[in-house]
N, C-alpha and C. Protein backbone atom coordinates (compact mmCIF):
# COMPACT_ATOMS: atom_id res chain seq x y z
N MET A 1 -1.68 -5.35 20.44
CA MET A 1 -0.35 -4.88 20.07
C MET A 1 -0.45 -4.06 18.79
N SER A 2 0.06 -2.82 18.81
CA SER A 2 -0.07 -1.94 17.65
C SER A 2 0.90 -2.35 16.55
N THR A 3 0.53 -2.08 15.31
CA THR A 3 1.36 -2.42 14.16
C THR A 3 2.42 -1.33 13.96
N ALA A 4 3.39 -1.62 13.08
CA ALA A 4 4.43 -0.64 12.77
C ALA A 4 3.81 0.61 12.15
N PHE A 5 2.79 0.41 11.31
CA PHE A 5 2.13 1.55 10.67
C PHE A 5 1.50 2.46 11.73
N GLU A 6 0.85 1.86 12.72
CA GLU A 6 0.22 2.65 13.77
C GLU A 6 1.26 3.37 14.62
N GLN A 7 2.39 2.73 14.88
CA GLN A 7 3.45 3.37 15.66
C GLN A 7 4.01 4.58 14.93
N TYR A 8 4.25 4.41 13.61
CA TYR A 8 4.72 5.56 12.83
C TYR A 8 3.66 6.66 12.81
N GLY A 9 2.39 6.25 12.77
CA GLY A 9 1.31 7.24 12.79
C GLY A 9 1.32 8.07 14.07
N GLU A 10 1.59 7.41 15.21
CA GLU A 10 1.67 8.13 16.48
C GLU A 10 2.85 9.10 16.49
N GLU A 11 4.00 8.68 15.93
CA GLU A 11 5.16 9.57 15.85
C GLU A 11 4.83 10.79 14.98
N TRP A 12 4.16 10.55 13.85
CA TRP A 12 3.78 11.65 12.98
C TRP A 12 2.84 12.62 13.70
N SER A 13 1.90 12.10 14.47
CA SER A 13 0.95 12.95 15.20
C SER A 13 1.69 13.84 16.20
N GLN A 14 2.72 13.29 16.86
CA GLN A 14 3.50 14.07 17.81
C GLN A 14 4.26 15.20 17.12
N VAL A 15 4.87 14.88 15.98
CA VAL A 15 5.60 15.90 15.22
C VAL A 15 4.64 16.98 14.72
N GLN A 16 3.48 16.55 14.22
CA GLN A 16 2.49 17.49 13.71
C GLN A 16 2.02 18.44 14.82
N ALA A 17 1.75 17.90 16.00
CA ALA A 17 1.31 18.73 17.13
C ALA A 17 2.40 19.72 17.53
N SER A 18 3.65 19.27 17.53
CA SER A 18 4.76 20.14 17.91
C SER A 18 4.91 21.30 16.91
N VAL A 19 4.82 20.99 15.61
CA VAL A 19 4.97 22.01 14.58
C VAL A 19 3.82 23.02 14.66
N ASN A 20 2.61 22.52 14.80
CA ASN A 20 1.46 23.42 14.89
C ASN A 20 1.56 24.33 16.11
N SER A 21 2.03 23.78 17.23
CA SER A 21 2.18 24.58 18.44
C SER A 21 3.19 25.72 18.23
N LYS A 22 4.31 25.40 17.58
CA LYS A 22 5.33 26.43 17.34
C LYS A 22 4.82 27.50 16.39
N LEU A 23 4.09 27.06 15.34
CA LEU A 23 3.58 28.03 14.37
C LEU A 23 2.48 28.90 14.96
N ASP A 24 1.63 28.31 15.77
CA ASP A 24 0.49 29.05 16.31
C ASP A 24 0.86 29.94 17.49
N LYS A 25 1.91 29.56 18.24
CA LYS A 25 2.24 30.31 19.45
C LYS A 25 3.61 30.97 19.36
N ASP A 26 4.66 30.16 19.31
CA ASP A 26 6.03 30.69 19.40
C ASP A 26 6.33 31.68 18.29
N VAL A 27 6.06 31.28 17.05
CA VAL A 27 6.41 32.14 15.92
C VAL A 27 5.63 33.46 15.97
N LYS A 28 4.38 33.41 16.41
CA LYS A 28 3.56 34.62 16.48
C LYS A 28 4.09 35.60 17.53
N GLN A 29 4.70 35.08 18.59
CA GLN A 29 5.15 35.91 19.70
C GLN A 29 6.59 36.37 19.56
N GLN A 30 7.35 35.69 18.69
CA GLN A 30 8.78 35.98 18.60
C GLN A 30 9.08 36.93 17.44
N THR A 31 10.26 37.51 17.49
CA THR A 31 10.73 38.39 16.42
C THR A 31 12.22 38.16 16.20
N GLY A 32 12.70 38.66 15.07
CA GLY A 32 14.13 38.65 14.81
C GLY A 32 14.74 37.26 14.75
N GLU A 33 15.95 37.14 15.30
CA GLU A 33 16.70 35.89 15.22
C GLU A 33 16.04 34.76 15.99
N GLN A 34 15.36 35.12 17.08
CA GLN A 34 14.66 34.08 17.85
C GLN A 34 13.59 33.41 17.00
N ARG A 35 12.87 34.22 16.26
CA ARG A 35 11.83 33.68 15.37
C ARG A 35 12.44 32.83 14.26
N LYS A 36 13.55 33.29 13.69
CA LYS A 36 14.21 32.52 12.64
C LYS A 36 14.71 31.18 13.16
N ALA A 37 15.22 31.19 14.38
CA ALA A 37 15.69 29.94 14.98
C ALA A 37 14.54 28.95 15.16
N THR A 38 13.39 29.46 15.57
CA THR A 38 12.21 28.59 15.72
C THR A 38 11.79 28.01 14.38
N LEU A 39 11.81 28.83 13.34
CA LEU A 39 11.45 28.36 12.01
C LEU A 39 12.43 27.29 11.51
N ARG A 40 13.71 27.46 11.86
CA ARG A 40 14.70 26.43 11.47
C ARG A 40 14.41 25.11 12.19
N ARG A 41 14.04 25.19 13.47
CA ARG A 41 13.69 23.97 14.21
C ARG A 41 12.45 23.30 13.60
N ILE A 42 11.50 24.13 13.16
CA ILE A 42 10.30 23.56 12.52
C ILE A 42 10.67 22.83 11.25
N ASN A 43 11.56 23.42 10.45
CA ASN A 43 11.99 22.75 9.22
C ASN A 43 12.67 21.42 9.51
N MET A 44 13.44 21.36 10.59
CA MET A 44 14.08 20.10 10.97
C MET A 44 13.02 19.06 11.35
N GLU A 45 11.98 19.50 12.06
CA GLU A 45 10.91 18.57 12.44
C GLU A 45 10.15 18.08 11.21
N LEU A 46 9.98 18.95 10.23
CA LEU A 46 9.30 18.53 9.00
C LEU A 46 10.15 17.54 8.21
N GLU A 47 11.47 17.69 8.27
CA GLU A 47 12.34 16.69 7.65
C GLU A 47 12.16 15.33 8.34
N GLU A 48 12.05 15.38 9.67
CA GLU A 48 11.79 14.14 10.42
C GLU A 48 10.44 13.55 10.01
N ALA A 49 9.45 14.43 9.81
CA ALA A 49 8.12 13.97 9.39
C ALA A 49 8.20 13.27 8.03
N ASP A 50 9.03 13.80 7.12
CA ASP A 50 9.20 13.15 5.80
C ASP A 50 9.71 11.73 5.96
N GLU A 51 10.68 11.55 6.85
CA GLU A 51 11.23 10.21 7.06
C GLU A 51 10.18 9.27 7.66
N ILE A 52 9.38 9.79 8.60
CA ILE A 52 8.33 8.96 9.20
C ILE A 52 7.31 8.54 8.16
N LEU A 53 6.90 9.49 7.31
CA LEU A 53 5.89 9.19 6.29
C LEU A 53 6.44 8.24 5.23
N ASP A 54 7.74 8.33 4.95
CA ASP A 54 8.33 7.36 4.01
C ASP A 54 8.23 5.94 4.58
N GLN A 55 8.48 5.80 5.88
CA GLN A 55 8.35 4.49 6.51
C GLN A 55 6.90 4.02 6.51
N MET A 56 5.98 4.95 6.77
CA MET A 56 4.55 4.60 6.72
C MET A 56 4.16 4.13 5.32
N GLU A 57 4.72 4.78 4.31
CA GLU A 57 4.40 4.41 2.93
C GLU A 57 4.88 3.00 2.61
N LEU A 58 6.06 2.64 3.13
CA LEU A 58 6.56 1.28 2.93
C LEU A 58 5.65 0.26 3.59
N GLU A 59 5.18 0.58 4.81
CA GLU A 59 4.30 -0.34 5.53
C GLU A 59 2.93 -0.44 4.87
N ALA A 60 2.53 0.62 4.13
CA ALA A 60 1.17 0.68 3.57
C ALA A 60 1.07 0.12 2.17
N LYS A 61 2.17 -0.37 1.60
CA LYS A 61 2.13 -0.87 0.23
C LYS A 61 1.14 -2.02 0.09
N GLY A 62 0.28 -1.90 -0.91
CA GLY A 62 -0.73 -2.92 -1.15
C GLY A 62 -1.96 -2.79 -0.28
N LYS A 63 -2.03 -1.73 0.56
CA LYS A 63 -3.17 -1.52 1.45
C LYS A 63 -3.77 -0.17 1.12
N ALA A 64 -4.89 -0.19 0.41
CA ALA A 64 -5.46 1.04 -0.14
C ALA A 64 -5.82 2.05 0.96
N ARG A 65 -6.45 1.59 2.03
CA ARG A 65 -6.88 2.52 3.09
C ARG A 65 -5.69 3.21 3.74
N GLN A 66 -4.64 2.46 4.00
CA GLN A 66 -3.47 3.06 4.63
C GLN A 66 -2.75 4.02 3.68
N MET A 67 -2.76 3.72 2.38
CA MET A 67 -2.16 4.63 1.42
C MET A 67 -2.90 5.95 1.39
N ILE A 68 -4.21 5.92 1.57
CA ILE A 68 -5.00 7.16 1.62
C ILE A 68 -4.55 8.00 2.82
N VAL A 69 -4.31 7.34 3.96
CA VAL A 69 -3.85 8.05 5.16
C VAL A 69 -2.48 8.69 4.91
N VAL A 70 -1.59 7.94 4.25
CA VAL A 70 -0.25 8.46 3.98
C VAL A 70 -0.32 9.69 3.08
N ARG A 71 -1.13 9.60 2.02
CA ARG A 71 -1.24 10.74 1.11
C ARG A 71 -1.83 11.96 1.82
N SER A 72 -2.80 11.73 2.70
CA SER A 72 -3.37 12.84 3.46
C SER A 72 -2.33 13.48 4.37
N ASN A 73 -1.50 12.66 5.03
CA ASN A 73 -0.45 13.19 5.91
C ASN A 73 0.58 13.98 5.12
N LYS A 74 0.93 13.50 3.93
CA LYS A 74 1.91 14.22 3.11
C LYS A 74 1.34 15.57 2.65
N ALA A 75 0.06 15.59 2.36
CA ALA A 75 -0.57 16.85 1.99
C ALA A 75 -0.52 17.83 3.18
N GLU A 76 -0.69 17.31 4.38
CA GLU A 76 -0.61 18.15 5.58
C GLU A 76 0.79 18.70 5.77
N VAL A 77 1.82 17.88 5.49
CA VAL A 77 3.21 18.35 5.58
C VAL A 77 3.44 19.49 4.60
N LYS A 78 2.90 19.36 3.40
CA LYS A 78 3.05 20.42 2.40
C LYS A 78 2.41 21.72 2.90
N LYS A 79 1.23 21.63 3.51
CA LYS A 79 0.57 22.82 4.04
C LYS A 79 1.42 23.46 5.14
N LEU A 80 2.00 22.64 6.00
CA LEU A 80 2.85 23.16 7.06
C LEU A 80 4.09 23.85 6.49
N ARG A 81 4.67 23.26 5.45
CA ARG A 81 5.83 23.90 4.82
C ARG A 81 5.46 25.24 4.19
N ASP A 82 4.25 25.29 3.61
CA ASP A 82 3.79 26.55 3.04
C ASP A 82 3.67 27.62 4.13
N ARG A 83 3.16 27.21 5.29
CA ARG A 83 3.04 28.16 6.40
C ARG A 83 4.42 28.63 6.87
N VAL A 84 5.37 27.68 6.95
CA VAL A 84 6.73 28.04 7.37
C VAL A 84 7.35 29.02 6.38
N LEU A 85 7.16 28.75 5.08
CA LEU A 85 7.72 29.64 4.07
C LEU A 85 7.09 31.04 4.17
N LYS A 86 5.79 31.06 4.39
CA LYS A 86 5.10 32.35 4.52
C LYS A 86 5.64 33.13 5.71
N GLU A 87 5.83 32.43 6.84
CA GLU A 87 6.36 33.10 8.02
C GLU A 87 7.80 33.57 7.79
N SER A 88 8.58 32.77 7.07
CA SER A 88 9.97 33.15 6.78
C SER A 88 10.00 34.39 5.91
N MET A 89 9.14 34.42 4.89
CA MET A 89 9.09 35.58 4.00
C MET A 89 8.61 36.81 4.75
N THR A 90 7.69 36.62 5.70
CA THR A 90 7.22 37.75 6.51
C THR A 90 8.36 38.31 7.35
N SER A 91 9.15 37.40 7.95
CA SER A 91 10.29 37.84 8.76
C SER A 91 11.30 38.61 7.92
N ASP A 92 11.61 38.08 6.73
CA ASP A 92 12.56 38.75 5.84
C ASP A 92 12.03 40.10 5.37
N ARG A 93 10.73 40.14 5.08
CA ARG A 93 10.14 41.40 4.61
C ARG A 93 10.20 42.45 5.71
N ASP A 94 9.88 42.03 6.94
CA ASP A 94 9.94 42.97 8.05
C ASP A 94 11.35 43.49 8.26
N ALA A 95 12.31 42.58 8.08
CA ALA A 95 13.71 43.01 8.25
C ALA A 95 14.11 44.00 7.17
N LEU A 96 13.64 43.76 5.94
CA LEU A 96 13.96 44.68 4.84
C LEU A 96 13.32 46.04 5.05
N LEU A 97 12.05 46.02 5.51
CA LEU A 97 11.35 47.28 5.74
C LEU A 97 11.98 48.06 6.90
N ALA A 98 12.51 47.34 7.86
CA ALA A 98 13.12 48.02 9.00
C ALA A 98 14.51 48.56 8.69
N GLN A 99 15.11 48.09 7.61
CA GLN A 99 16.48 48.47 7.30
C GLN A 99 16.65 49.97 7.06
N PRO A 100 15.80 50.64 6.25
CA PRO A 100 16.00 52.08 6.02
C PRO A 100 15.91 52.89 7.31
N ALA A 101 14.93 52.55 8.16
CA ALA A 101 14.79 53.29 9.42
C ALA A 101 16.03 53.13 10.28
N HIS A 102 16.55 51.96 10.28
CA HIS A 102 17.77 51.71 11.04
C HIS A 102 18.91 52.55 10.50
N SER A 103 18.99 52.65 9.20
CA SER A 103 20.07 53.42 8.58
C SER A 103 19.91 54.90 8.88
N ALA A 104 18.65 55.35 8.96
CA ALA A 104 18.43 56.77 9.22
C ALA A 104 18.91 57.15 10.61
N TYR A 105 18.78 56.27 11.56
CA TYR A 105 19.21 56.58 12.93
C TYR A 105 20.69 56.28 13.14
N ALA A 106 21.25 55.46 12.25
CA ALA A 106 22.68 55.11 12.40
C ALA A 106 23.42 55.65 11.20
N MET A 107 23.80 56.88 11.24
CA MET A 107 24.42 57.55 10.09
C MET A 107 25.80 57.02 9.80
N ASP A 108 26.41 56.33 10.77
CA ASP A 108 27.77 55.85 10.56
C ASP A 108 27.81 54.51 9.86
N VAL A 109 26.65 53.94 9.48
CA VAL A 109 26.63 52.65 8.81
C VAL A 109 27.05 52.84 7.36
N ASP A 110 27.95 52.06 6.93
CA ASP A 110 28.46 52.18 5.56
C ASP A 110 27.42 51.67 4.56
N GLU A 111 27.31 52.35 3.41
CA GLU A 111 26.33 51.95 2.40
C GLU A 111 26.59 50.55 1.87
N SER A 112 27.83 50.18 1.76
CA SER A 112 28.16 48.83 1.26
C SER A 112 27.66 47.76 2.22
N ASP A 113 27.73 48.02 3.53
CA ASP A 113 27.20 47.07 4.50
C ASP A 113 25.70 46.92 4.37
N THR A 114 25.01 48.06 4.13
CA THR A 114 23.56 48.01 3.94
C THR A 114 23.20 47.18 2.71
N TYR A 115 23.97 47.39 1.64
CA TYR A 115 23.73 46.64 0.40
C TYR A 115 23.96 45.15 0.64
N SER A 116 25.01 44.83 1.37
CA SER A 116 25.31 43.42 1.64
C SER A 116 24.21 42.77 2.47
N ALA A 117 23.70 43.50 3.45
CA ALA A 117 22.61 42.96 4.28
C ALA A 117 21.37 42.72 3.43
N THR A 118 21.09 43.66 2.51
CA THR A 118 19.92 43.50 1.64
C THR A 118 20.09 42.29 0.73
N GLN A 119 21.30 42.14 0.19
CA GLN A 119 21.57 40.98 -0.66
C GLN A 119 21.44 39.67 0.11
N ALA A 120 21.87 39.69 1.35
CA ALA A 120 21.74 38.48 2.18
C ALA A 120 20.28 38.12 2.41
N GLN A 121 19.45 39.15 2.65
CA GLN A 121 18.02 38.92 2.82
C GLN A 121 17.42 38.33 1.55
N ARG A 122 17.79 38.88 0.42
CA ARG A 122 17.28 38.37 -0.86
C ARG A 122 17.74 36.93 -1.09
N THR A 123 18.97 36.65 -0.71
CA THR A 123 19.50 35.29 -0.87
C THR A 123 18.70 34.30 -0.03
N ARG A 124 18.36 34.70 1.20
CA ARG A 124 17.57 33.82 2.05
C ARG A 124 16.18 33.58 1.45
N LEU A 125 15.62 34.66 0.87
CA LEU A 125 14.32 34.51 0.22
C LEU A 125 14.39 33.52 -0.94
N LEU A 126 15.45 33.65 -1.75
CA LEU A 126 15.61 32.72 -2.88
C LEU A 126 15.81 31.29 -2.40
N ASN A 127 16.60 31.16 -1.33
CA ASN A 127 16.82 29.81 -0.78
C ASN A 127 15.52 29.20 -0.26
N SER A 128 14.69 30.03 0.38
CA SER A 128 13.40 29.52 0.87
C SER A 128 12.51 29.09 -0.28
N THR A 129 12.53 29.88 -1.35
CA THR A 129 11.72 29.53 -2.53
C THR A 129 12.21 28.23 -3.15
N GLN A 130 13.53 28.07 -3.26
CA GLN A 130 14.09 26.84 -3.82
C GLN A 130 13.76 25.64 -2.94
N THR A 131 13.79 25.86 -1.63
CA THR A 131 13.44 24.76 -0.70
C THR A 131 12.00 24.32 -0.90
N LEU A 132 11.10 25.30 -1.07
CA LEU A 132 9.70 24.97 -1.29
C LEU A 132 9.51 24.20 -2.60
N ARG A 133 10.21 24.65 -3.65
CA ARG A 133 10.09 23.95 -4.93
C ARG A 133 10.63 22.52 -4.82
N SER A 134 11.74 22.38 -4.11
CA SER A 134 12.31 21.04 -3.92
C SER A 134 11.35 20.15 -3.15
N THR A 135 10.71 20.73 -2.15
CA THR A 135 9.73 19.96 -1.36
C THR A 135 8.55 19.55 -2.22
N ASP A 136 8.06 20.48 -3.05
CA ASP A 136 6.94 20.14 -3.95
C ASP A 136 7.31 19.01 -4.89
N ALA A 137 8.53 19.07 -5.44
CA ALA A 137 8.97 18.01 -6.36
C ALA A 137 9.05 16.67 -5.63
N ARG A 138 9.53 16.72 -4.38
CA ARG A 138 9.63 15.48 -3.60
C ARG A 138 8.25 14.91 -3.31
N LEU A 139 7.31 15.78 -2.99
CA LEU A 139 5.95 15.32 -2.74
C LEU A 139 5.31 14.74 -4.00
N ASP A 140 5.59 15.38 -5.14
CA ASP A 140 5.07 14.86 -6.40
C ASP A 140 5.61 13.47 -6.69
N ARG A 141 6.92 13.29 -6.46
CA ARG A 141 7.52 11.97 -6.68
C ARG A 141 6.91 10.94 -5.74
N SER A 142 6.70 11.34 -4.50
CA SER A 142 6.09 10.41 -3.53
C SER A 142 4.67 10.05 -3.94
N SER A 143 3.93 11.05 -4.45
CA SER A 143 2.55 10.78 -4.89
C SER A 143 2.54 9.83 -6.08
N ARG A 144 3.46 10.04 -7.03
CA ARG A 144 3.54 9.14 -8.18
C ARG A 144 3.92 7.73 -7.73
N LEU A 145 4.86 7.65 -6.79
CA LEU A 145 5.25 6.33 -6.27
C LEU A 145 4.08 5.64 -5.61
N ALA A 146 3.31 6.41 -4.85
CA ALA A 146 2.14 5.83 -4.18
C ALA A 146 1.12 5.34 -5.20
N ALA A 147 0.90 6.15 -6.26
CA ALA A 147 -0.06 5.75 -7.29
C ALA A 147 0.41 4.51 -8.03
N GLU A 148 1.73 4.45 -8.33
CA GLU A 148 2.27 3.28 -9.02
C GLU A 148 2.16 2.04 -8.13
N SER A 149 2.48 2.20 -6.85
CA SER A 149 2.39 1.07 -5.93
C SER A 149 0.96 0.57 -5.80
N GLU A 150 0.02 1.50 -5.76
CA GLU A 150 -1.38 1.12 -5.65
C GLU A 150 -1.84 0.40 -6.91
N ALA A 151 -1.36 0.90 -8.09
CA ALA A 151 -1.73 0.24 -9.34
C ALA A 151 -1.17 -1.17 -9.42
N ILE A 152 0.10 -1.33 -8.98
CA ILE A 152 0.72 -2.66 -8.98
C ILE A 152 -0.03 -3.59 -8.03
N GLY A 153 -0.39 -3.07 -6.85
CA GLY A 153 -1.14 -3.88 -5.90
C GLY A 153 -2.48 -4.32 -6.46
N GLY A 154 -3.16 -3.40 -7.17
CA GLY A 154 -4.44 -3.76 -7.79
C GLY A 154 -4.28 -4.81 -8.86
N SER A 155 -3.19 -4.68 -9.66
CA SER A 155 -2.94 -5.68 -10.71
C SER A 155 -2.66 -7.05 -10.11
N VAL A 156 -1.84 -7.07 -9.04
CA VAL A 156 -1.54 -8.34 -8.38
C VAL A 156 -2.81 -8.97 -7.80
N LEU A 157 -3.66 -8.11 -7.21
CA LEU A 157 -4.89 -8.62 -6.62
C LEU A 157 -5.81 -9.21 -7.69
N GLU A 158 -5.92 -8.54 -8.84
CA GLU A 158 -6.74 -9.06 -9.92
C GLU A 158 -6.18 -10.38 -10.44
N SER A 159 -4.84 -10.45 -10.54
CA SER A 159 -4.21 -11.69 -11.00
C SER A 159 -4.51 -12.83 -10.03
N LEU A 160 -4.41 -12.55 -8.73
CA LEU A 160 -4.70 -13.59 -7.73
C LEU A 160 -6.15 -14.03 -7.79
N ARG A 161 -7.04 -13.07 -8.03
CA ARG A 161 -8.45 -13.43 -8.16
C ARG A 161 -8.67 -14.33 -9.37
N GLY A 162 -8.00 -13.99 -10.50
CA GLY A 162 -8.13 -14.83 -11.69
C GLY A 162 -7.61 -16.24 -11.45
N GLN A 163 -6.46 -16.33 -10.76
CA GLN A 163 -5.91 -17.65 -10.46
C GLN A 163 -6.82 -18.42 -9.52
N GLY A 164 -7.43 -17.71 -8.57
CA GLY A 164 -8.37 -18.37 -7.67
C GLY A 164 -9.56 -18.94 -8.41
N ALA A 165 -10.08 -18.16 -9.40
CA ALA A 165 -11.20 -18.64 -10.20
C ALA A 165 -10.79 -19.87 -11.01
N GLN A 166 -9.58 -19.85 -11.56
CA GLN A 166 -9.10 -21.00 -12.32
C GLN A 166 -8.98 -22.24 -11.44
N LEU A 167 -8.45 -22.05 -10.22
CA LEU A 167 -8.32 -23.18 -9.30
C LEU A 167 -9.68 -23.73 -8.91
N ALA A 168 -10.64 -22.82 -8.70
CA ALA A 168 -11.99 -23.27 -8.34
C ALA A 168 -12.61 -24.06 -9.50
N HIS A 169 -12.40 -23.57 -10.73
CA HIS A 169 -12.93 -24.29 -11.90
C HIS A 169 -12.27 -25.66 -12.03
N ALA A 170 -10.94 -25.71 -11.80
CA ALA A 170 -10.23 -26.99 -11.88
C ALA A 170 -10.73 -27.96 -10.81
N ARG A 171 -11.00 -27.43 -9.61
CA ARG A 171 -11.52 -28.29 -8.54
C ARG A 171 -12.89 -28.84 -8.91
N ASP A 172 -13.74 -27.98 -9.49
CA ASP A 172 -15.06 -28.44 -9.91
C ASP A 172 -14.95 -29.52 -10.99
N THR A 173 -14.00 -29.32 -11.92
CA THR A 173 -13.80 -30.30 -12.98
C THR A 173 -13.35 -31.64 -12.41
N LEU A 174 -12.43 -31.58 -11.44
CA LEU A 174 -11.95 -32.82 -10.79
C LEU A 174 -13.07 -33.52 -10.04
N ASP A 175 -13.91 -32.73 -9.37
CA ASP A 175 -15.04 -33.33 -8.66
C ASP A 175 -16.00 -34.02 -9.64
N GLU A 176 -16.22 -33.36 -10.76
CA GLU A 176 -17.11 -33.95 -11.77
C GLU A 176 -16.51 -35.23 -12.34
N ALA A 177 -15.19 -35.20 -12.63
CA ALA A 177 -14.52 -36.39 -13.15
C ALA A 177 -14.56 -37.52 -12.13
N ASP A 178 -14.38 -37.17 -10.87
CA ASP A 178 -14.43 -38.18 -9.82
C ASP A 178 -15.82 -38.83 -9.76
N GLY A 179 -16.86 -38.00 -9.91
CA GLY A 179 -18.22 -38.55 -9.93
C GLY A 179 -18.44 -39.49 -11.10
N ILE A 180 -17.92 -39.11 -12.29
CA ILE A 180 -18.06 -39.97 -13.48
C ILE A 180 -17.34 -41.29 -13.27
N ILE A 181 -16.13 -41.21 -12.67
CA ILE A 181 -15.36 -42.43 -12.43
C ILE A 181 -16.10 -43.34 -11.45
N ASN A 182 -16.69 -42.75 -10.42
CA ASN A 182 -17.43 -43.56 -9.44
C ASN A 182 -18.63 -44.24 -10.10
N ARG A 183 -19.34 -43.49 -10.94
CA ARG A 183 -20.49 -44.09 -11.63
C ARG A 183 -20.04 -45.19 -12.59
N ALA A 184 -18.93 -44.96 -13.30
CA ALA A 184 -18.42 -45.98 -14.23
C ALA A 184 -17.98 -47.22 -13.47
N SER A 185 -17.35 -47.01 -12.31
CA SER A 185 -16.91 -48.15 -11.50
C SER A 185 -18.11 -48.98 -11.04
N GLY A 186 -19.17 -48.29 -10.64
CA GLY A 186 -20.38 -49.02 -10.22
C GLY A 186 -20.99 -49.80 -11.36
N THR A 187 -21.00 -49.19 -12.56
CA THR A 187 -21.54 -49.89 -13.74
C THR A 187 -20.74 -51.12 -14.05
N ILE A 188 -19.40 -51.00 -13.99
CA ILE A 188 -18.53 -52.15 -14.29
C ILE A 188 -18.76 -53.27 -13.27
N LYS A 189 -18.90 -52.92 -12.00
CA LYS A 189 -19.16 -53.94 -10.98
C LYS A 189 -20.47 -54.67 -11.26
N LYS A 190 -21.50 -53.91 -11.68
CA LYS A 190 -22.78 -54.54 -12.00
C LYS A 190 -22.63 -55.48 -13.19
N MET A 191 -21.86 -55.05 -14.19
CA MET A 191 -21.64 -55.90 -15.37
C MET A 191 -20.90 -57.17 -14.99
N VAL A 192 -19.90 -57.06 -14.10
CA VAL A 192 -19.14 -58.25 -13.68
C VAL A 192 -20.06 -59.22 -12.94
N ARG A 193 -20.89 -58.67 -12.04
CA ARG A 193 -21.82 -59.54 -11.31
C ARG A 193 -22.80 -60.21 -12.26
N GLN A 194 -23.28 -59.44 -13.24
CA GLN A 194 -24.20 -60.02 -14.22
C GLN A 194 -23.52 -61.12 -15.03
N MET A 195 -22.25 -60.90 -15.38
CA MET A 195 -21.51 -61.91 -16.14
C MET A 195 -21.37 -63.20 -15.35
N TYR A 196 -21.05 -63.06 -14.03
CA TYR A 196 -20.93 -64.25 -13.20
C TYR A 196 -22.27 -64.98 -13.11
N LYS A 197 -23.36 -64.23 -12.96
CA LYS A 197 -24.67 -64.85 -12.91
C LYS A 197 -24.98 -65.60 -14.21
N THR A 198 -24.65 -64.96 -15.34
CA THR A 198 -24.90 -65.60 -16.64
C THR A 198 -24.06 -66.86 -16.78
N ARG A 199 -22.81 -66.81 -16.35
CA ARG A 199 -21.93 -67.98 -16.45
C ARG A 199 -22.48 -69.12 -15.60
N ILE A 200 -22.90 -68.79 -14.39
CA ILE A 200 -23.46 -69.84 -13.51
C ILE A 200 -24.72 -70.45 -14.13
N THR A 201 -25.54 -69.57 -14.74
CA THR A 201 -26.76 -70.07 -15.37
C THR A 201 -26.44 -71.03 -16.52
N ILE A 202 -25.45 -70.66 -17.34
CA ILE A 202 -25.06 -71.51 -18.48
C ILE A 202 -24.52 -72.84 -17.98
N ILE A 203 -23.66 -72.78 -16.96
CA ILE A 203 -23.09 -74.02 -16.42
C ILE A 203 -24.20 -74.92 -15.88
N ALA A 204 -25.15 -74.31 -15.15
CA ALA A 204 -26.26 -75.11 -14.60
C ALA A 204 -27.09 -75.71 -15.72
N PHE A 205 -27.32 -74.93 -16.80
CA PHE A 205 -28.10 -75.44 -17.93
C PHE A 205 -27.39 -76.62 -18.60
N ILE A 206 -26.06 -76.47 -18.78
CA ILE A 206 -25.30 -77.56 -19.39
C ILE A 206 -25.33 -78.81 -18.51
N ALA A 207 -25.22 -78.58 -17.20
CA ALA A 207 -25.23 -79.72 -16.27
C ALA A 207 -26.56 -80.44 -16.34
N VAL A 208 -27.66 -79.69 -16.39
CA VAL A 208 -28.99 -80.32 -16.49
C VAL A 208 -29.13 -81.05 -17.81
N LEU A 209 -28.63 -80.42 -18.90
CA LEU A 209 -28.72 -81.03 -20.22
C LEU A 209 -27.94 -82.34 -20.26
N VAL A 210 -26.73 -82.32 -19.69
CA VAL A 210 -25.92 -83.54 -19.66
C VAL A 210 -26.62 -84.63 -18.84
N ALA A 211 -27.24 -84.22 -17.75
CA ALA A 211 -27.94 -85.20 -16.90
C ALA A 211 -29.11 -85.81 -17.65
N LEU A 212 -29.85 -85.02 -18.40
CA LEU A 212 -30.98 -85.54 -19.17
C LEU A 212 -30.51 -86.51 -20.25
N ILE A 213 -29.42 -86.09 -20.94
CA ILE A 213 -28.89 -86.99 -21.98
C ILE A 213 -28.46 -88.32 -21.36
N GLY A 214 -27.79 -88.21 -20.23
CA GLY A 214 -27.35 -89.44 -19.57
C GLY A 214 -28.53 -90.31 -19.15
N LEU A 215 -29.59 -89.67 -18.67
CA LEU A 215 -30.77 -90.43 -18.26
C LEU A 215 -31.42 -91.10 -19.43
N ILE A 216 -31.47 -90.37 -20.55
CA ILE A 216 -32.09 -90.95 -21.77
C ILE A 216 -31.30 -92.17 -22.24
N LEU A 217 -29.99 -92.03 -22.28
CA LEU A 217 -29.15 -93.13 -22.73
C LEU A 217 -29.26 -94.34 -21.79
N TRP A 218 -29.31 -94.02 -20.52
CA TRP A 218 -29.42 -95.14 -19.56
C TRP A 218 -30.70 -95.91 -19.73
N ASN A 219 -31.82 -95.20 -19.97
CA ASN A 219 -33.10 -95.86 -20.17
C ASN A 219 -33.10 -96.62 -21.49
N LYS A 220 -32.39 -96.11 -22.47
CA LYS A 220 -32.41 -96.77 -23.79
C LYS A 220 -31.63 -98.07 -23.75
N PHE A 221 -30.53 -98.13 -23.09
CA PHE A 221 -29.70 -99.32 -23.11
C PHE A 221 -29.92 -100.24 -21.91
N ARG A 222 -30.87 -99.94 -21.12
CA ARG A 222 -31.11 -100.78 -19.94
C ARG A 222 -31.75 -102.08 -20.35
């Protein structure tokens, strides 16, 4: 049975394959609004990828190997966004370059409309740049969060190791104390047995002494 981390990984792989396919095939073959629409769909898929990787990061907390996988996937998302931005800028540049030729063949186009179209293109370029910067900042925050989480996990692990060593030392101390108590108990039992033997010996000696005295007296007064 696959883990949640592995399931999110499979979802990420599907999104990655879809984005790469669109960038390598669809975007290269399309032009104009159709190409822009494809780029917008790619950006939506990359937003979905961000959500998937955020879930993977939650599942990977405290697991160094999985955190490495998450960071690698986030770096891949950044590369894909860079490609999308490059393609968007190429589309806008082509549109800007095509604008004068269009105006030359369409003499009835008002100059103010041409200026407005140019301003709109520039606005889209600025928006794309701002989106890229926002994405970079988000990735930086995610990287810092991952580094902090990894540091906290390492600190907790070291603390647990220290506590384990303390418990092992305490167990050894208890075992040693138990051995001392067992040896002391054996010594005390030997002393008690020796005391009983000594007492019996004294009693027997007194009994013999009393018997001798009695025998002497009996012989004397007979």
